Amino acid sequence: MTSETYGGIVRSSSLTRFRLAPNPGPMSLDGTNSYLIGAPGAAGSVAVDPGPLDEPHLQALAGQGAIELILITHRHADHTAAAVRFSELTGAPVRAADPTHCHGAPPLQDGETLRAAGVDIRVLATPGHTSDSLCFHLPQDGPYGSVLTGDTILGSGTTVLDHPDGTLCDYLESLDRLERLGPATVLPAHGPVLPALDAVARAYRDHRNGRLDQVRTALQALGADAGVGAVTDAVYTDIDPSVRRAAELSVAAQLDYLRAGPRNRGGLPGL
């Protein structure tokens, strides 16, 4: 995706379309993908992650027809800031895992199946990026289904764990859960659509395990009690200053995972 996508509604799968919100940045890539879910011929749509509080963006989404329901993948503002305004604009209730971000409807529950806009939407709890992260599985969307992955899996790069709210232990378990869905289409909240969720989940896990190996090596050199800053300097040697904070969050999550002990496959050197 490029800036040329701004302003347009893009078909992303047989049951979904999205509009790229105008909020590009180091953490949001080209911007937030705000999705519309609906079966062909359905009277309305389900909106997912209305994104930043940008009136033209919201008007463009609302202009696509009736909105039955608004869903939130997780609490971060680039997904939720416009939720109340979009609810006012469309009359649709907002549902999320966190009651704080619900408006006019109860929180979403893991395993719940929603029937809206002619589509079955399965709610999957996938904590790790944040504790309230959800994915939405559309089993009828194409031959293998599709999954709106929020920030749990991105269209490019890898996901930041918002430690301590997000943990690596939870995240790895969430990747396992997503891999079991097979080669579903990946509909991320940032970046391009990807094929084969199972392959992407495996690649994400391999990346995390590689980083853990780097952290273990750094701790052997720095000492088991080394702090986040020192480990970040040793492991993330070529990052842009704009994403330094994100790297530190990831290191904090990795250290917490390793220091939890043998159950996390290896622990710290000497422990």
Protein backbone atom coordinates (compact mmCIF):
# COMPACT_ATOMS: atom_id res chain seq x y z
CA MET A 1 0.00 0.00 0.00
CA THR A 2 1.04 3.56 -0.67
CA SER A 3 -0.39 7.00 -0.03
CA GLU A 4 -2.38 6.54 -3.26
CA THR A 5 -4.67 4.23 -1.29
CA TYR A 6 -5.91 7.08 0.93
CA GLY A 7 -9.47 8.04 0.08
CA GLY A 8 -10.40 4.75 -1.56
CA ILE A 9 -12.24 1.65 -0.43
CA VAL A 10 -10.15 -1.39 -1.38
CA ARG A 11 -11.44 -4.95 -1.84
CA SER A 12 -9.30 -7.21 0.40
CA SER A 13 -11.18 -10.53 0.18
CA SER A 14 -14.53 -11.83 -1.01
CA LEU A 15 -16.21 -10.67 2.21
CA THR A 16 -14.08 -7.67 3.22
CA ARG A 17 -13.03 -4.22 2.09
CA PHE A 18 -10.89 -1.65 3.86
CA ARG A 19 -10.00 2.01 3.86
CA LEU A 20 -6.51 3.10 4.86
CA ALA A 21 -6.69 5.78 7.55
CA PRO A 22 -4.42 8.82 7.12
CA ASN A 23 -2.26 8.12 10.18
CA PRO A 24 1.09 6.83 8.89
CA GLY A 25 4.00 6.58 11.32
CA PRO A 26 6.81 4.37 12.63
CA MET A 27 4.37 2.25 14.62
CA SER A 28 1.35 2.35 12.28
CA LEU A 29 3.24 1.79 8.99
CA ASP A 30 1.13 3.30 6.16
CA GLY A 31 -1.77 3.78 8.56
CA THR A 32 -4.61 1.79 10.12
CA ASN A 33 -6.68 -0.45 7.85
CA SER A 34 -10.32 0.08 8.80
CA TYR A 35 -12.27 -2.93 7.52
CA LEU A 36 -15.85 -3.41 6.36
CA ILE A 37 -17.21 -6.97 6.48
CA GLY A 38 -20.30 -7.97 4.52
CA ALA A 39 -21.70 -10.71 2.32
CA PRO A 40 -22.62 -9.85 -1.26
CA GLY A 41 -26.06 -8.30 -1.26
CA ALA A 42 -26.14 -7.77 2.51
CA ALA A 43 -28.03 -4.69 3.65
CA GLY A 44 -25.25 -3.56 5.97
CA SER A 45 -21.64 -4.06 7.02
CA VAL A 46 -19.60 -4.69 10.14
CA ALA A 47 -16.78 -2.18 10.68
CA VAL A 48 -13.55 -3.23 12.36
CA ASP A 49 -11.16 -0.67 13.90
CA PRO A 50 -12.53 2.70 12.78
CA GLY A 51 -9.09 4.09 13.57
CA PRO A 52 -8.03 7.66 14.35
CA LEU A 53 -10.47 10.50 14.89
CA ASP A 54 -10.41 11.74 11.30
CA GLU A 55 -13.80 12.96 10.08
CA PRO A 56 -13.24 12.47 6.31
CA HIS A 57 -12.09 8.90 6.98
CA LEU A 58 -15.18 8.15 9.07
CA GLN A 59 -17.53 9.80 6.58
CA ALA A 60 -16.04 7.72 3.79
CA LEU A 61 -16.60 4.51 5.75
CA ALA A 62 -20.14 5.51 6.69
CA GLY A 63 -20.84 6.39 3.07
CA GLN A 64 -20.49 2.73 2.10
CA GLY A 65 -23.90 1.91 3.55
CA ALA A 66 -25.49 0.95 6.85
CA ILE A 67 -23.14 -0.14 9.62
CA GLU A 68 -24.66 -2.86 11.83
CA LEU A 69 -21.83 -3.29 14.32
CA ILE A 70 -18.39 -1.88 15.13
CA LEU A 71 -15.68 -4.26 16.37
CA ILE A 72 -12.35 -3.40 18.00
CA THR A 73 -9.27 -5.62 17.81
CA HIS A 74 -7.51 -4.00 20.79
CA ARG A 75 -7.24 -0.89 22.89
CA HIS A 76 -4.57 1.20 21.12
CA ALA A 77 -5.71 4.64 20.02
CA ASP A 78 -4.90 4.17 16.34
CA HIS A 79 -7.71 1.57 16.40
CA THR A 80 -10.14 3.03 18.94
CA ALA A 81 -9.92 6.83 18.96
CA ALA A 82 -12.78 7.19 16.47
CA ALA A 83 -15.04 4.50 17.94
CA VAL A 84 -17.41 6.80 19.84
CA ARG A 85 -17.70 9.28 16.97
CA PHE A 86 -18.27 6.50 14.44
CA SER A 87 -20.94 4.99 16.67
CA GLU A 88 -22.65 8.38 16.83
CA LEU A 89 -22.36 8.76 13.07
CA THR A 90 -23.78 5.33 12.23
CA GLY A 91 -25.91 4.37 15.21
CA ALA A 92 -24.01 1.09 15.48
CA PRO A 93 -22.90 -0.34 18.84
CA VAL A 94 -19.21 -0.91 19.58
CA ARG A 95 -17.91 -4.21 20.94
CA ALA A 96 -14.39 -4.99 22.18
CA ALA A 97 -12.79 -7.30 24.72
CA ASP A 98 -12.22 -4.38 27.10
CA PRO A 99 -15.51 -2.96 28.46
CA THR A 100 -13.90 0.49 28.41
CA HIS A 101 -14.11 0.47 24.62
CA CYS A 102 -17.66 -0.91 24.38
CA HIS A 103 -20.57 1.44 23.63
CA GLY A 104 -24.13 0.19 23.69
CA ALA A 105 -23.20 -3.50 23.70
CA PRO A 106 -21.46 -6.05 25.94
CA PRO A 107 -17.79 -7.07 25.71
CA LEU A 108 -16.75 -9.72 23.22
CA GLN A 109 -16.04 -13.22 24.52
CA ASP A 110 -13.45 -15.67 23.29
CA GLY A 111 -15.10 -18.31 21.11
CA GLU A 112 -18.22 -16.25 20.48
CA THR A 113 -19.65 -16.40 16.95
CA LEU A 114 -21.32 -13.26 15.68
CA ARG A 115 -23.79 -13.34 12.80
CA ALA A 116 -23.93 -9.92 11.16
CA ALA A 117 -24.02 -8.50 7.63
CA GLY A 118 -24.67 -12.01 6.34
CA VAL A 119 -21.33 -13.30 7.69
CA ASP A 120 -20.25 -15.56 10.56
CA ILE A 121 -17.50 -13.88 12.59
CA ARG A 122 -15.64 -16.00 15.15
CA VAL A 123 -14.01 -14.11 18.02
CA LEU A 124 -10.54 -15.36 18.96
CA ALA A 125 -8.67 -14.11 22.02
CA THR A 126 -5.05 -13.62 20.94
CA PRO A 127 -3.27 -11.76 23.76
CA GLY A 128 0.38 -10.82 23.51
CA HIS A 129 0.54 -7.55 21.60
CA THR A 130 -1.84 -6.36 24.32
CA SER A 131 -3.78 -8.34 26.89
CA ASP A 132 -7.08 -7.51 25.15
CA SER A 133 -6.03 -8.35 21.59
CA LEU A 134 -8.60 -10.18 19.49
CA CYS A 135 -8.64 -11.64 15.99
CA PHE A 136 -11.78 -12.16 13.92
CA HIS A 137 -12.05 -15.37 11.90
CA LEU A 138 -14.29 -15.41 8.83
CA PRO A 139 -14.49 -19.13 7.96
CA GLN A 140 -16.70 -18.50 4.88
CA ASP A 141 -14.31 -16.00 3.29
CA GLY A 142 -12.77 -17.85 0.36
CA PRO A 143 -11.53 -21.45 0.21
CA TYR A 144 -9.51 -21.25 3.45
CA GLY A 145 -11.31 -18.45 5.26
CA SER A 146 -9.68 -15.24 6.43
CA VAL A 147 -8.61 -13.71 9.75
CA LEU A 148 -8.57 -10.04 10.69
CA THR A 149 -5.45 -10.10 12.83
CA GLY A 150 -5.34 -6.56 14.23
CA ASP A 151 -1.76 -5.96 15.37
CA THR A 152 -1.18 -9.59 16.37
CA ILE A 153 0.17 -10.20 12.86
CA LEU A 154 1.09 -7.30 10.58
CA GLY A 155 1.31 -7.13 6.82
CA SER A 156 5.01 -6.27 7.04
CA GLY A 157 7.59 -6.33 9.81
CA THR A 158 6.82 -7.83 13.20
CA THR A 159 4.63 -6.95 16.15
CA VAL A 160 5.64 -5.00 19.24
CA LEU A 161 4.65 -6.54 22.56
CA ASP A 162 3.27 -3.76 24.74
CA HIS A 163 4.94 -5.07 27.90
CA PRO A 164 3.93 -5.52 30.71
CA ASP A 165 0.34 -5.58 29.42
CA GLY A 166 1.43 -7.81 26.54
CA THR A 167 3.59 -10.84 27.30
CA LEU A 168 5.71 -13.11 25.13
CA CYS A 169 4.29 -16.25 26.72
CA ASP A 170 0.76 -15.19 25.73
CA TYR A 171 1.94 -14.10 22.30
CA LEU A 172 3.58 -17.42 21.44
CA GLU A 173 0.43 -19.26 22.51
CA SER A 174 -1.62 -16.93 20.30
CA LEU A 175 0.63 -17.67 17.32
CA ASP A 176 0.09 -21.39 17.94
CA ARG A 177 -3.66 -20.83 17.95
CA LEU A 178 -3.57 -18.87 14.71
CA GLU A 179 -1.34 -21.41 12.99
CA ARG A 180 -3.96 -24.08 13.63
CA LEU A 181 -6.40 -22.16 11.41
CA GLY A 182 -4.38 -23.22 8.38
CA PRO A 183 -3.69 -21.19 5.22
CA ALA A 184 -6.34 -18.53 5.83
CA THR A 185 -5.92 -15.10 4.28
CA VAL A 186 -4.32 -12.61 6.69
CA LEU A 187 -6.14 -9.27 6.92
CA PRO A 188 -3.86 -7.14 9.13
CA ALA A 189 -4.60 -3.78 10.71
CA HIS A 190 -1.37 -2.39 9.24
CA GLY A 191 0.29 -3.32 5.98
CA PRO A 192 -0.81 -5.43 3.02
CA VAL A 193 -2.99 -8.50 2.93
CA LEU A 194 -1.00 -11.77 3.16
CA PRO A 195 -1.73 -15.36 2.14
CA ALA A 196 -1.33 -18.43 4.35
CA LEU A 197 -1.79 -17.52 8.00
CA ASP A 198 -0.18 -20.76 9.15
CA ALA A 199 3.07 -19.99 7.32
CA VAL A 200 3.11 -16.41 8.59
CA ALA A 201 2.53 -17.55 12.18
CA ARG A 202 5.44 -19.99 11.90
CA ALA A 203 7.69 -17.24 10.51
CA TYR A 204 6.68 -14.96 13.40
CA ARG A 205 7.49 -17.69 15.91
CA ASP A 206 10.87 -18.34 14.28
CA HIS A 207 11.62 -14.61 14.50
CA ARG A 208 10.74 -14.52 18.21
CA ASN A 209 12.85 -17.57 18.96
CA GLY A 210 15.76 -16.02 17.06
CA ARG A 211 15.47 -12.86 19.16
CA LEU A 212 15.38 -14.94 22.33
CA ASP A 213 18.63 -16.58 21.27
CA GLN A 214 20.14 -13.13 20.75
CA VAL A 215 18.98 -12.02 24.20
CA ARG A 216 20.46 -15.14 25.80
CA THR A 217 23.78 -14.44 24.06
CA ALA A 218 23.69 -10.82 25.23
CA LEU A 219 23.04 -11.91 28.82
CA GLN A 220 25.99 -14.29 28.71
CA ALA A 221 28.17 -11.29 27.89
CA LEU A 222 26.45 -8.68 30.06
CA GLY A 223 25.42 -10.79 33.03
CA ALA A 224 22.08 -12.34 33.94
CA ASP A 225 20.87 -9.18 35.68
CA ALA A 226 21.50 -6.84 32.73
CA GLY A 227 18.87 -4.18 32.23
CA VAL A 228 16.58 -3.48 29.31
CA GLY A 229 18.68 -0.62 27.94
CA ALA A 230 21.92 -2.58 27.83
CA VAL A 231 20.29 -5.61 26.24
CA THR A 232 18.55 -3.43 23.69
CA ASP A 233 21.89 -1.87 22.75
CA ALA A 234 23.39 -5.34 22.27
CA VAL A 235 20.52 -6.94 20.33
CA TYR A 236 18.99 -4.08 18.31
CA THR A 237 22.15 -2.56 16.89
CA ASP A 238 20.76 -0.82 13.80
CA ILE A 239 17.31 0.49 14.68
CA ASP A 240 16.01 3.95 13.92
CA PRO A 241 15.66 6.15 17.04
CA SER A 242 11.95 6.52 16.28
CA VAL A 243 11.37 2.85 17.17
CA ARG A 244 13.80 2.61 20.08
CA ARG A 245 10.95 2.55 22.59
CA ALA A 246 9.32 -0.33 20.72
CA ALA A 247 12.57 -2.28 20.82
CA GLU A 248 12.86 -1.72 24.56
CA LEU A 249 9.32 -3.01 25.07
CA SER A 250 10.18 -6.14 23.12
CA VAL A 251 13.36 -6.68 25.15
CA ALA A 252 11.43 -6.20 28.39
CA ALA A 253 8.96 -8.86 27.26
CA GLN A 254 11.79 -11.21 26.29
CA LEU A 255 13.58 -10.77 29.61
CA ASP A 256 10.36 -11.36 31.52
CA TYR A 257 9.78 -14.53 29.51
CA LEU A 258 13.28 -15.87 30.15
CA ARG A 259 13.30 -14.93 33.82
CA ALA A 260 10.04 -16.82 34.37
CA GLY A 261 12.11 -20.00 34.45
CA PRO A 262 12.48 -23.38 32.76
CA ARG A 263 8.87 -23.55 31.58
CA ASN A 264 9.83 -20.96 28.98
CA ARG A 265 12.30 -23.21 27.17
CA GLY A 266 15.70 -22.32 28.41
CA GLY A 267 15.58 -19.69 31.10
CA LEU A 268 18.60 -17.54 31.77
CA PRO A 269 22.22 -18.67 31.67
CA GLY A 270 23.15 -20.19 34.99
CA LEU A 271 19.56 -20.51 36.23
